[in-house]
Protein backbone atom coordinates (compact mmCIF):
# COMPACT_ATOMS: atom_id res chain seq x y z
CA UNK A 1 115.11 165.90 21.59
CA UNK A 2 114.77 163.40 18.48
CA UNK A 3 116.75 160.24 18.60
CA UNK A 4 118.58 158.64 15.79
CA UNK A 5 117.00 155.69 13.75
CA UNK A 6 119.07 152.70 15.41
CA UNK A 7 117.78 153.74 18.78
CA UNK A 8 114.16 154.31 17.46
CA UNK A 9 114.31 150.64 15.42
CA UNK A 10 115.47 149.34 18.97
CA UNK A 11 112.63 150.83 20.96
CA UNK A 12 110.21 149.77 18.35
CA UNK A 13 111.42 145.86 17.89
CA UNK A 14 111.52 146.16 22.05
CA UNK A 15 107.58 147.32 22.08
CA UNK A 16 106.84 144.49 19.37
CA UNK A 17 108.83 142.32 21.42
CA UNK A 18 106.66 142.58 24.47
CA UNK A 19 103.62 142.58 22.67
CA UNK A 20 104.60 139.06 21.08
CA UNK A 21 106.09 137.86 24.55
CA UNK A 22 102.25 138.82 26.10
CA UNK A 23 100.68 137.07 23.04
CA UNK A 24 102.81 133.82 23.44
CA UNK A 25 102.34 133.37 27.06
CA UNK A 26 98.86 134.31 26.95
CA UNK A 27 97.56 131.43 24.24
CA UNK A 28 96.46 129.15 26.75
CA UNK A 29 94.15 131.52 27.84
CA UNK A 30 90.69 129.64 27.19
CA UNK A 31 88.53 130.63 30.17
CA UNK A 32 87.16 133.74 32.14
CA UNK A 33 88.96 132.57 35.08
CA UNK A 34 92.09 132.20 33.02
CA UNK A 35 91.87 135.99 31.87
CA UNK A 36 91.29 137.22 35.47
CA UNK A 37 93.54 135.05 37.59
CA UNK A 38 95.82 133.24 35.18
CA UNK A 39 94.34 129.98 36.43
CA UNK A 40 95.64 130.55 40.04
CA UNK A 41 98.90 128.93 38.89
CA UNK A 42 101.71 131.45 38.79
CA UNK A 43 104.72 131.03 40.60
CA UNK A 44 105.32 133.40 43.59
CA UNK A 45 108.44 135.29 42.10
CA UNK A 46 106.50 136.16 38.99
CA UNK A 47 104.05 137.98 41.04
CA UNK A 48 106.73 139.67 43.07
CA UNK A 49 108.61 141.55 39.94
CA UNK A 50 104.65 142.10 38.61
CA UNK A 51 103.79 143.66 41.80
CA UNK A 52 107.38 146.05 41.55
CA UNK A 53 106.66 146.61 38.11
CA UNK A 54 102.75 147.81 38.10
CA UNK A 55 103.78 150.31 40.72
CA UNK A 56 106.58 151.75 38.85
CA UNK A 57 105.90 153.93 35.54
CA UNK A 58 107.87 155.92 33.34
CA UNK A 59 107.20 159.15 35.79
CA UNK A 60 108.74 157.19 38.66
CA UNK A 61 112.02 156.33 36.20
CA UNK A 62 112.07 159.58 35.62
CA UNK A 63 111.18 161.61 38.49
CA UNK A 64 112.80 159.77 41.39
CA UNK A 65 116.16 160.41 40.00
CA UNK A 66 115.01 164.36 39.77
CA UNK A 67 113.65 164.55 43.26
CA UNK A 68 117.52 163.76 44.40
CA UNK A 69 118.72 166.11 41.91
CA UNK A 70 116.95 168.86 43.50
CA UNK A 71 116.58 168.09 47.10
CA UNK A 72 118.17 164.90 48.83
CA UNK A 73 117.25 161.16 49.33
CA UNK A 74 114.43 161.80 52.06
CA UNK A 75 112.07 160.37 49.66
CA UNK A 76 113.46 156.67 51.10
CA UNK A 77 111.43 157.64 54.31
CA UNK A 78 107.99 157.18 52.25
CA UNK A 79 109.60 153.45 51.19
CA UNK A 80 110.30 152.89 54.64
CA UNK A 81 106.56 153.09 55.11
CA UNK A 82 105.85 150.85 51.93
CA UNK A 83 107.61 147.93 53.52
CA UNK A 84 106.22 147.87 57.09
CA UNK A 85 102.43 148.50 55.05
CA UNK A 86 103.34 145.35 53.23
CA UNK A 87 103.64 143.04 56.55
CA UNK A 88 100.40 144.42 57.76
CA UNK A 89 98.51 143.45 54.45
CA UNK A 90 100.32 140.29 54.50
CA UNK A 91 98.97 138.90 57.63
CA UNK A 92 95.58 141.37 58.28
CA UNK A 93 93.95 141.40 54.96
CA UNK A 94 95.73 138.91 52.16
CA UNK A 95 93.76 135.87 54.29
CA UNK A 96 90.38 137.49 53.48
CA UNK A 97 90.93 137.03 49.82
CA UNK A 98 91.71 133.69 50.45
CA UNK A 99 88.56 132.65 52.29
CA UNK A 100 86.61 132.22 49.27
CA UNK A 101 87.04 131.62 45.33
CA UNK A 102 87.43 135.38 44.67
CA UNK A 103 88.27 137.67 41.74
CA UNK A 104 87.90 140.76 42.82
CA UNK A 105 88.92 142.65 46.60
CA UNK A 106 85.56 144.04 46.64
CA UNK A 107 83.91 140.65 46.51
CA UNK A 108 84.73 140.57 50.17
CA UNK A 109 82.62 143.60 51.13
CA UNK A 110 79.98 142.18 49.09
CA UNK A 111 80.36 138.91 51.26
CA UNK A 112 80.42 140.92 54.57
CA UNK A 113 78.32 144.15 53.57
CA UNK A 114 76.05 143.34 50.27
CA UNK A 115 76.24 144.02 46.50
CA UNK A 116 75.68 147.49 47.23
CA UNK A 117 78.83 148.14 48.69
CA UNK A 118 80.76 145.88 46.22
CA UNK A 119 79.27 147.97 43.25
CA UNK A 120 79.72 151.16 44.86
CA UNK A 121 83.71 150.47 45.68
CA UNK A 122 84.52 148.75 42.54
CA UNK A 123 83.05 151.99 40.17
CA UNK A 124 85.31 154.02 42.51
CA UNK A 125 88.17 151.84 41.66
CA UNK A 126 87.38 151.66 37.50
CA UNK A 127 86.75 155.58 37.29
CA UNK A 128 89.83 156.80 39.56
CA UNK A 129 92.33 154.23 38.07
CA UNK A 130 91.03 155.07 34.67
CA UNK A 131 91.48 158.68 35.11
CA UNK A 132 95.00 158.32 36.84
CA UNK A 133 96.01 155.80 34.50
CA UNK A 134 95.20 157.43 31.44
CA UNK A 135 96.93 160.50 32.81
CA UNK A 136 100.04 158.70 33.01
CA UNK A 137 99.66 157.13 29.88
CA UNK A 138 99.83 161.14 28.79
CA UNK A 139 102.68 161.68 30.62
CA UNK A 140 105.00 158.52 29.24
CA UNK A 141 103.72 160.02 25.81
CA UNK A 142 105.17 163.15 26.50
CA UNK A 143 108.72 161.35 26.29
CA UNK A 144 108.21 159.39 23.50
CA UNK A 145 106.47 162.61 21.83
CA UNK A 146 109.50 164.60 22.43
CA UNK A 147 112.34 162.06 21.68
CA UNK A 148 110.67 161.00 18.32
CA UNK A 149 108.83 164.47 17.45
CA UNK A 150 105.63 162.68 16.50
CA UNK A 151 102.34 164.37 17.36
CA UNK A 152 101.25 163.84 20.87
CA UNK A 153 97.90 161.81 19.82
CA UNK A 154 99.98 159.49 17.75
CA UNK A 155 102.47 159.02 20.92
CA UNK A 156 99.63 158.40 22.84
CA UNK A 157 98.14 155.92 20.80
CA UNK A 158 101.10 153.74 19.89
CA UNK A 159 101.86 153.06 23.87
CA UNK A 160 98.22 152.47 24.36
CA UNK A 161 97.30 150.30 21.19
CA UNK A 162 100.33 148.27 21.74
CA UNK A 163 99.38 147.45 25.81
CA UNK A 164 95.62 146.76 24.68
CA UNK A 165 97.11 144.11 22.19
CA UNK A 166 99.00 141.85 24.58
CA UNK A 167 96.60 142.36 27.30
CA UNK A 168 93.41 141.76 25.14
CA UNK A 169 94.97 138.47 24.07
CA UNK A 170 96.68 137.07 27.05
CA UNK A 171 94.96 137.95 29.98
CA UNK A 172 96.56 137.80 33.38
CA UNK A 173 99.07 135.71 32.51
CA UNK A 174 100.68 138.13 29.81
CA UNK A 175 99.97 140.96 32.12
CA UNK A 176 102.32 138.99 34.83
CA UNK A 177 105.06 137.56 32.67
CA UNK A 178 105.49 140.88 30.43
CA UNK A 179 105.64 142.65 33.59
CA UNK A 180 108.83 140.37 34.78
CA UNK A 181 110.11 140.89 31.40
CA UNK A 182 109.67 144.53 32.09
CA UNK A 183 111.36 144.72 35.18
CA UNK A 184 114.21 143.46 34.15
CA UNK A 185 114.48 145.74 30.94
CA UNK A 186 113.76 148.86 33.39
CA UNK A 187 116.25 147.93 36.09
CA UNK A 188 119.11 146.57 33.67
CA UNK A 189 118.65 150.02 32.25
CA UNK A 190 118.96 151.92 35.27
CA UNK A 191 121.88 150.10 36.47
CA UNK A 192 123.40 150.72 32.94
CA UNK A 193 122.55 154.09 33.19
CA UNK A 194 124.37 154.51 36.63
CA UNK A 195 127.42 152.92 35.55
CA UNK A 196 127.70 155.20 32.33
CA UNK A 197 127.10 158.15 34.82
CA UNK A 198 129.84 157.35 36.99
CA UNK A 199 132.34 156.44 34.06
CA UNK A 200 131.15 160.14 33.31
CA UNK A 201 132.69 161.83 36.46
CA UNK A 202 136.18 161.86 36.70
CA UNK A 203 136.56 160.56 40.09
CA UNK A 204 133.67 158.03 39.96
CA UNK A 205 131.66 156.71 43.10
CA UNK A 206 133.84 158.35 45.42
CA UNK A 207 133.85 161.64 43.78
CA UNK A 208 130.00 161.33 43.61
CA UNK A 209 129.74 160.29 47.25
CA UNK A 210 131.56 163.14 48.64
CA UNK A 211 130.36 165.96 46.38
CA UNK A 212 126.78 164.29 47.19
CA UNK A 213 127.79 164.54 50.84
CA UNK A 214 129.00 168.22 50.99
CA UNK A 215 125.81 169.19 48.96
CA UNK A 216 123.61 167.31 51.42
CA UNK A 217 122.32 165.40 48.82
CA UNK A 218 122.82 162.24 50.94
CA UNK A 219 120.22 163.07 53.60
CA UNK A 220 117.99 160.18 54.36
CA UNK A 221 116.13 161.10 57.40
CA UNK A 222 114.53 164.37 58.26
CA UNK A 223 112.34 164.15 61.93
CA UNK A 224 110.92 167.44 61.31
CA UNK A 225 107.36 166.74 62.27
CA UNK A 226 105.15 169.32 59.80
CA UNK A 227 101.83 168.01 58.52
CA UNK A 228 102.41 170.00 55.38
CA UNK A 229 106.00 168.56 54.72
CA UNK A 230 105.39 165.01 52.70
CA UNK A 231 109.14 164.24 53.00
CA UNK A 232 109.45 164.10 56.72
CA UNK A 233 110.40 160.60 58.59
CA UNK A 234 106.83 160.23 60.41
CA UNK A 235 105.23 161.56 57.12
CA UNK A 236 106.59 158.86 55.59
CA UNK A 237 106.55 155.93 57.71
CA UNK A 238 102.99 156.07 58.97
CA UNK A 239 101.42 158.16 55.78
CA UNK A 240 103.57 155.28 53.42
CA UNK A 241 102.32 152.52 55.51
CA UNK A 242 98.46 153.62 55.08
CA UNK A 243 99.14 154.25 51.37
CA UNK A 244 100.36 150.89 51.07
CA UNK A 245 97.60 149.44 52.96
CA UNK A 246 94.95 151.06 50.43
CA UNK A 247 97.17 150.47 47.28
CA UNK A 248 98.15 147.18 48.06
CA UNK A 249 95.44 146.07 50.52
CA UNK A 250 92.35 146.93 48.89
CA UNK A 251 93.17 147.90 45.29
CA UNK A 252 92.08 145.69 42.90
CA UNK A 253 94.93 146.18 40.49
CA UNK A 254 97.20 144.36 42.99
CA UNK A 255 94.80 141.80 44.75
CA UNK A 256 94.34 140.10 41.48
CA UNK A 257 97.80 139.57 41.35
CA UNK A 258 97.63 137.83 44.75
CA UNK A 259 94.69 135.99 43.67
CA UNK A 260 96.88 134.58 40.77
CA UNK A 261 99.04 132.91 43.37
CA UNK A 262 99.13 129.16 43.99
CA UNK A 263 98.08 129.68 47.64
CA UNK A 264 97.94 132.11 50.30
CA UNK A 265 101.56 131.23 51.54
CA UNK A 266 102.98 132.28 47.92
CA UNK A 267 101.15 135.39 47.60
CA UNK A 268 102.32 136.47 51.54
CA UNK A 269 105.80 135.71 50.07
CA UNK A 270 105.53 137.64 47.05
CA UNK A 271 103.84 140.59 48.72
CA UNK A 272 106.50 140.89 51.50
CA UNK A 273 109.60 140.42 49.53
CA UNK A 274 108.62 142.93 46.85
CA UNK A 275 108.97 145.69 49.90
CA UNK A 276 112.56 144.95 49.86
CA UNK A 277 112.92 144.84 46.44
CA UNK A 278 111.24 148.39 45.90
CA UNK A 279 113.28 149.58 48.78
CA UNK A 280 116.52 148.72 46.71
CA UNK A 281 115.05 149.99 43.40
CA UNK A 282 114.31 153.55 44.87
CA UNK A 283 117.83 153.87 46.47
CA UNK A 284 119.02 153.28 42.95
CA UNK A 285 117.04 155.75 41.45
CA UNK A 286 117.53 158.30 44.14
CA UNK A 287 121.53 157.58 43.67
CA UNK A 288 121.03 158.61 40.09
CA UNK A 289 119.82 161.46 41.00
CA UNK A 290 123.04 162.53 43.42
CA UNK A 291 125.10 161.25 40.61
CA UNK A 292 123.07 163.72 37.96
CA UNK A 293 123.62 166.54 40.58
CA UNK A 294 127.61 165.83 40.72
CA UNK A 295 127.78 165.44 36.90
CA UNK A 296 125.85 168.98 36.49
CA UNK A 297 127.75 170.45 38.64
CA UNK A 298 131.12 169.58 37.13
CA UNK A 299 129.66 169.90 33.68
CA UNK A 300 126.69 172.48 33.56
CA UNK A 301 124.14 172.33 30.89
CA UNK A 302 123.89 174.84 28.08
CA UNK A 303 120.63 176.26 29.60
CA UNK A 304 119.38 175.38 33.03
CA UNK A 305 116.66 172.85 33.45
CA UNK A 306 112.89 174.23 33.64
CA UNK A 307 112.07 170.50 35.85
CA UNK A 308 114.24 168.61 37.73
CA UNK A 309 112.46 165.36 36.68
CA UNK A 310 113.94 166.22 33.42
CA UNK A 311 117.18 165.93 34.19
CA UNK A 312 117.60 161.80 33.64
CA UNK A 313 115.84 162.39 30.41
CA UNK A 314 118.35 165.02 29.61
CA UNK A 315 121.31 162.82 30.14
CA UNK A 316 120.09 159.57 28.76
CA UNK A 317 119.80 161.73 25.25
CA UNK A 318 122.82 163.43 25.38
CA UNK A 319 125.38 161.58 26.90
CA UNK A 320 124.36 157.76 26.19
CA UNK A 321 125.66 156.13 23.00
CA UNK A 322 123.83 154.87 19.94
CA UNK A 323 122.39 151.34 20.56
CA UNK A 324 122.59 151.91 24.35
CA UNK A 325 120.37 154.63 24.36
CA UNK A 326 117.47 152.19 22.23
CA UNK A 327 117.97 150.13 24.94
CA UNK A 328 117.55 152.73 28.01
CA UNK A 329 114.34 154.06 26.17
CA UNK A 330 113.03 150.61 25.80
CA UNK A 331 113.55 150.67 29.96
CA UNK A 332 111.48 153.94 30.19
CA UNK A 333 108.66 152.52 28.02
CA UNK A 334 108.80 148.89 29.88
CA UNK A 335 107.85 150.93 33.22
CA UNK A 336 104.93 152.47 31.39
CA UNK A 337 103.52 149.41 30.06
CA UNK A 338 103.45 147.57 32.97
CA UNK A 339 101.67 149.74 34.75
CA UNK A 340 98.99 150.03 31.89
CA UNK A 341 98.47 146.51 31.44
CA UNK A 342 97.71 145.73 34.79
CA UNK A 343 95.38 148.80 34.85
CA UNK A 344 93.08 147.42 31.77
CA UNK A 345 93.27 143.85 32.80
CA UNK A 346 91.73 144.76 36.74
CA UNK A 347 89.23 147.35 35.33
CA UNK A 348 88.19 144.79 33.00
CA UNK A 349 87.70 142.18 35.62
CA UNK A 350 86.38 144.53 38.15
CA UNK A 351 83.56 145.52 35.31
CA UNK A 352 82.87 142.06 34.26
CA UNK A 353 82.87 140.40 38.08
CA UNK A 354 81.53 143.15 40.17
CA UNK A 355 78.67 145.19 37.67
CA UNK A 356 77.73 142.70 34.61
CA UNK A 357 78.05 139.28 35.34
CA UNK A 358 75.59 139.84 38.59
CA UNK A 359 73.11 141.06 36.12
CA UNK A 360 73.27 138.55 33.95
CA UNK A 361 72.95 135.71 36.45
CA UNK A 362 74.25 132.06 35.77
CA UNK A 363 72.83 132.23 32.18
CA UNK A 364 76.27 133.81 30.79
CA UNK A 365 78.05 130.82 29.04
CA UNK A 366 81.68 130.55 29.40
CA UNK A 367 82.78 131.20 26.12
CA UNK A 368 80.54 134.82 26.31
CA UNK A 369 82.14 135.68 30.06
CA UNK A 370 85.75 135.60 28.31
CA UNK A 371 84.62 137.45 25.41
CA UNK A 372 82.95 140.04 27.52
CA UNK A 373 86.13 140.51 29.45
CA UNK A 374 88.24 141.09 26.31
CA UNK A 375 85.67 143.62 24.75
CA UNK A 376 85.81 145.45 28.45
CA UNK A 377 89.84 145.28 28.30
CA UNK A 378 90.03 146.98 24.78
CA UNK A 379 86.87 149.50 26.18
CA UNK A 380 88.95 150.78 28.95
CA UNK A 381 92.06 150.71 26.96
CA UNK A 382 90.49 153.27 24.40
CA UNK A 383 89.20 155.03 27.69
CA UNK A 384 92.59 155.57 29.01
CA UNK A 385 93.73 156.65 25.19
CA UNK A 386 90.94 159.01 25.41
CA UNK A 387 92.22 160.43 28.66
CA UNK A 388 95.72 160.46 27.67
CA UNK A 389 95.12 162.65 24.19
CA UNK A 390 93.28 165.05 26.61
CA UNK A 391 95.56 165.15 29.09
CA UNK A 392 97.92 167.61 26.77
CA UNK A 393 95.15 170.29 27.08
CA UNK A 394 95.26 170.21 30.72
CA UNK A 395 97.13 172.13 32.96
CA UNK A 396 99.86 170.28 34.59
CA UNK A 397 98.28 171.54 38.34
CA UNK A 398 95.19 169.94 36.81
CA UNK A 399 97.04 166.74 36.21
CA UNK A 400 98.47 166.39 39.41
CA UNK A 401 95.38 166.85 41.30
CA UNK A 402 93.31 164.14 39.41
CA UNK A 403 96.51 161.80 40.51
CA UNK A 404 96.05 162.98 43.75
CA UNK A 405 92.20 162.19 43.81
CA UNK A 406 93.09 158.78 42.34
CA UNK A 407 95.81 158.18 45.34
CA UNK A 408 93.19 158.87 48.32
CA UNK A 409 90.06 157.17 47.07
CA UNK A 410 92.14 153.88 48.22
CA UNK A 411 91.89 155.30 51.66
CA UNK A 412 88.65 155.71 51.98
CA UNK A 413 87.78 151.73 50.44
CA UNK A 414 90.39 150.76 53.24
CA UNK A 415 87.93 152.49 55.84
CA UNK A 416 85.32 150.45 54.48
CA UNK A 417 87.55 147.03 54.84
CA UNK A 418 88.19 148.24 58.43
CA UNK A 419 84.87 148.47 59.15
CA UNK A 420 84.20 145.11 57.77
CA UNK A 421 87.19 143.49 59.85
CA UNK A 422 87.12 145.41 62.64
CA UNK A 423 83.35 145.63 63.51
CA UNK A 424 80.32 143.29 63.93
CA UNK A 425 77.62 145.91 64.12
CA UNK A 426 78.26 148.15 61.23
CA UNK A 427 75.69 147.18 58.24
CA UNK A 428 75.89 148.11 54.73
CA UNK A 429 74.25 151.36 54.78
CA UNK A 430 76.36 152.69 57.56
CA UNK A 431 79.06 151.48 55.72
CA UNK A 432 77.73 153.16 52.33
CA UNK A 433 77.55 156.51 54.71
CA UNK A 434 81.11 156.26 55.80
CA UNK A 435 81.94 155.68 52.28
CA UNK A 436 80.12 159.01 50.94
CA UNK A 437 81.05 160.90 53.61
CA UNK A 438 84.73 160.06 53.54
CA UNK A 439 84.83 160.72 49.81
CA UNK A 440 83.28 164.21 50.27
CA UNK A 441 85.38 164.82 53.43
CA UNK A 442 88.95 164.00 51.63
CA UNK A 443 87.53 166.55 48.46
CA UNK A 444 87.78 169.14 51.20
CA UNK A 445 91.20 168.14 52.36
CA UNK A 446 92.69 168.09 49.31
CA UNK A 447 91.51 171.23 47.64
CA UNK A 448 91.25 173.30 50.88
CA UNK A 449 94.18 172.30 53.20
CA UNK A 450 97.77 172.01 53.42
CA UNK A 451 97.72 168.44 54.47
CA UNK A 452 100.90 166.67 52.49
CA UNK A 453 99.71 163.69 50.33
CA UNK A 454 101.11 161.04 52.34
CA UNK A 455 98.91 161.29 54.98
CA UNK A 456 95.64 161.11 52.95
CA UNK A 457 95.45 157.54 52.95
CA UNK A 458 95.09 157.35 56.81
CA UNK A 459 93.05 160.61 57.19
CA UNK A 460 90.62 158.97 54.56
CA UNK A 461 90.47 155.50 55.84
CA UNK A 462 90.16 156.80 59.63
CA UNK A 463 87.53 159.36 58.62
CA UNK A 464 85.32 156.64 56.34
CA UNK A 465 85.57 154.10 59.64
CA UNK A 466 84.60 156.77 62.14
CA UNK A 467 81.46 157.37 60.39
CA UNK A 468 80.60 154.38 59.46
CA UNK A 469 80.91 153.04 63.17
CA UNK A 470 79.05 156.26 64.17
CA UNK A 471 75.92 155.95 61.77
CA UNK A 472 75.46 152.13 62.94
CA UNK A 473 74.03 153.56 65.89
CA UNK A 474 71.53 154.97 63.76
CA UNK A 475 71.18 152.31 61.20
CA UNK A 476 71.62 149.10 63.00
CA UNK A 477 73.53 146.14 60.83
CA UNK A 478 70.95 144.47 58.53
CA UNK A 479 71.44 140.89 57.09
CA UNK A 480 73.67 140.88 54.37
CA UNK A 481 72.70 139.74 50.88
CA UNK A 482 75.71 138.18 49.23
CA UNK A 483 75.90 137.49 45.36
CA UNK A 484 74.14 140.80 44.35
């Protein structure tokens, strides 16, 4: 599966260019506040594209077409839930983050419950994000390893170090502007691949539509209610909505973007608009999958595909011209690096702002604050590289399990936010009890029940809320002790 020298050179030039752009736009980063939230002066449209790029990984870029290739377009039902969820986040949760000079999502919990709740939520975020994105780094490195033939650990290190460099030097400004650039690259690459795919079909678009319709590949809606089926309408709409409430409402990686906006109105506009961009993006990825199905029906591969999520990568390698292939490889790694840079910046910000700075108090100087955050950025980069290298010795089912656990923890934290917003009587001890019991309950549900993953955030958040509220009748609310 190795690529030629020209395409490899284009790919390496792209990665070097991203590092340079990140360093250039981040050269004005002088303070910890600049590093964490970009001086709170980023244009809303840059934040919009950063939101979309951050939630689009290499896995998404390659596996969503594979879903339509092997099944149909019912994945789009989950995106409907993503769009609805963004409206709720924009009007229910976003205002909470603009009531103070916050740097992390979990400072809101400090203000409402106390420092212990903030620290617990922040640690859950840091641990699960490091594990999940370390494994995403591994999954991205698989592509680089297969295409270049270099050892797996060097593939992980190459992507990881390139991302660490510009994130370390440029902070949030570098992350957001390179996200914008990477969105343009991977979407341009996807459109180019789709155009070339249609060009390979004798009847073009019309043939794809007729063959796709005949094979049932164009089906979008499935109203069957089955709690174990993740791709039904209700699981998509309701489950996808709660996933978004968790991932875009209380997850530091997204909240940090809103805090970089000039005001609440700009943050709200970026978040809501991103939902429609994501809808169009996933529709394109799924249509590529339909086109791949039609192409391989007409021109069967020499050997059957072992996994559907490798079909798009195979088409790119086998049927894309020299030069254009290098651009598409750049698009694949654009999706990877945008997610990883966001992860490093948000983990470092949460660890510094929620855990370290409160310990040292006001004695720490502004210069030392910036130095600490940069050191933490490099540290979490090394952690994720370590997780990525270790990923090659894990079974694929274990990888999927860890990614799933990372997904449902945001629902548990969402339940704690609900306790703060919708109740007056729940204090810190009851909130922590809800969080711990909610986490234990979700582990049981994840490993011991057939419940489909889109329902995890709903069950986790409502379970945490119910336990916290019930526990408040045993432990009445105590006065919160903020800024711990």
